[in-house]
Every structure is written in C-alpha cells, then in structure tokens.
Protein backbone atom coordinates (compact mmCIF):
# COMPACT_ATOMS: atom_id res chain seq x y z
CA UNK A 1 26.54 10.06 -11.63
CA UNK A 2 29.43 12.48 -12.06
CA UNK A 3 29.80 16.11 -11.02
CA UNK A 4 31.04 18.83 -13.35
CA UNK A 5 34.37 18.90 -11.51
CA UNK A 6 34.80 15.15 -11.96
CA UNK A 7 34.04 15.44 -15.69
CA UNK A 8 36.57 18.27 -16.10
CA UNK A 9 39.21 16.33 -14.12
CA UNK A 10 38.59 13.23 -16.23
CA UNK A 11 38.89 15.29 -19.41
CA UNK A 12 42.23 16.66 -18.11
CA UNK A 13 43.54 13.11 -17.74
CA UNK A 14 42.69 12.17 -14.17
CA UNK A 15 41.39 8.65 -13.57
CA UNK A 16 37.61 8.19 -13.59
CA UNK A 17 35.77 7.79 -10.29
CA UNK A 18 34.61 4.18 -9.83
CA UNK A 19 30.86 3.61 -9.97
CA UNK A 20 30.80 1.84 -6.61
CA UNK A 21 31.93 5.06 -4.89
CA UNK A 22 28.90 6.88 -6.26
CA UNK A 23 26.50 4.10 -5.25
CA UNK A 24 27.86 3.28 -1.81
CA UNK A 25 27.74 6.71 -0.24
CA UNK A 26 26.62 6.96 3.42
CA UNK A 27 23.28 8.56 2.49
CA UNK A 28 22.52 5.75 0.02
CA UNK A 29 23.34 3.12 2.64
CA UNK A 30 21.17 4.87 5.26
CA UNK A 31 18.21 5.06 2.84
CA UNK A 32 18.63 1.38 1.99
CA UNK A 33 18.68 0.51 5.69
CA UNK A 34 15.57 2.59 6.40
CA UNK A 35 13.61 0.98 3.53
CA UNK A 36 14.79 -2.49 4.54
CA UNK A 37 13.62 -1.93 8.13
CA UNK A 38 10.25 -0.64 6.90
CA UNK A 39 9.89 -3.73 4.72
CA UNK A 40 10.86 -6.02 7.59
CA UNK A 41 8.34 -4.31 9.88
CA UNK A 42 5.58 -4.74 7.29
CA UNK A 43 6.43 -8.41 6.81
CA UNK A 44 6.41 -8.90 10.58
CA UNK A 45 3.00 -7.20 10.86
CA UNK A 46 1.67 -9.34 8.00
CA UNK A 47 2.98 -12.53 9.57
CA UNK A 48 1.62 -11.85 13.06
CA UNK A 49 -1.83 -10.50 12.22
CA UNK A 50 -4.95 -12.39 13.16
CA UNK A 51 -6.99 -14.24 10.60
CA UNK A 52 -9.80 -12.18 9.08
CA UNK A 53 -12.67 -13.78 7.21
CA UNK A 54 -14.97 -11.82 4.91
CA UNK A 55 -18.27 -13.32 3.84
CA UNK A 56 -20.59 -11.87 1.23
CA UNK A 57 -23.98 -13.49 0.80
CA UNK A 58 -26.97 -12.56 -1.32
CA UNK A 59 -29.75 -10.85 0.56
CA UNK A 60 -33.19 -12.50 0.62
CA UNK A 61 -34.94 -9.17 0.20
CA UNK A 62 -35.67 -7.67 -3.23
CA UNK A 63 -32.45 -6.63 -5.00
CA UNK A 64 -33.67 -3.05 -5.34
CA UNK A 65 -36.40 -0.77 -4.04
CA UNK A 66 -37.95 2.23 -5.75
CA UNK A 67 -38.17 5.04 -3.17
CA UNK A 68 -40.97 7.64 -3.02
CA UNK A 69 -38.72 10.34 -4.45
CA UNK A 70 -37.82 8.17 -7.48
CA UNK A 71 -34.41 7.08 -6.17
CA UNK A 72 -33.37 3.44 -6.34
CA UNK A 73 -31.92 1.72 -3.25
CA UNK A 74 -29.85 -1.38 -4.00
CA UNK A 75 -29.53 -4.00 -1.30
CA UNK A 76 -28.56 -7.19 -3.06
CA UNK A 77 -25.70 -8.34 -0.81
CA UNK A 78 -24.77 -8.36 2.86
CA UNK A 79 -21.14 -8.42 3.93
CA UNK A 80 -19.77 -9.49 7.28
CA UNK A 81 -16.28 -9.58 8.79
CA UNK A 82 -15.59 -12.44 11.18
CA UNK A 83 -13.48 -11.55 14.20
CA UNK A 84 -14.31 -7.83 14.04
CA UNK A 85 -15.73 -6.06 17.10
CA UNK A 86 -19.50 -5.55 17.00
CA UNK A 87 -19.14 -1.76 16.88
CA UNK A 88 -17.11 -1.85 13.69
CA UNK A 89 -19.08 -4.67 12.03
CA UNK A 90 -21.68 -2.40 10.43
CA UNK A 91 -20.50 -0.76 7.25
CA UNK A 92 -22.47 0.84 4.47
CA UNK A 93 -21.01 1.11 1.00
CA UNK A 94 -22.57 2.51 -2.12
CA UNK A 95 -21.73 2.63 -5.78
CA UNK A 96 -22.81 5.67 -7.74
C-alpha cells in the first residue's frame, strides 16, 4: 500500500518505501496480537471443556400423528445430552 505522496515522491526519484514498513505498523501488530489472543483463548476453552455426549435414538411411538385440525406432528426421534443439567435437557426442535 502506498499513499499519493509516496507515489509522487517515488516518481520524482526518491527511493521506494519497503513493503515491510507498510506491513509492520503498530496498528497491524496490535490487531495481530488481539486476534492471536482470541485464538489462544478459544483453544484453551476447547481444550478444557467437559465431555459432552449426544445420543439420538428412534422413538418407539408412531413416527407421525395426524392431529384433529389436519396438522401432522412428527416424533420419530428423541435426543438427549449426557452431562447436561436436568432443566436444560428438554429441547424441542421442529423442521418446517
């Protein structure tokens, strides 16, 4: 990256600015440090998290039910998360 002043100075015969000066500015180094620390924090969180086990099993009930209003309720699978608190274990998901 070169500014208009640098281009005009180079056209007048001044030496070109080295590329490393444009890349190693303080702001660039700070941004690199911030992103590196975010990445390190995410890797630390990934490495220290507890094991989570997800099980999906077919339900023994009919795979679908025809409701009185004509709607269809699907209930073919049950999912469970091992190690989750009982309050957060129930989850309902639907596909439209």
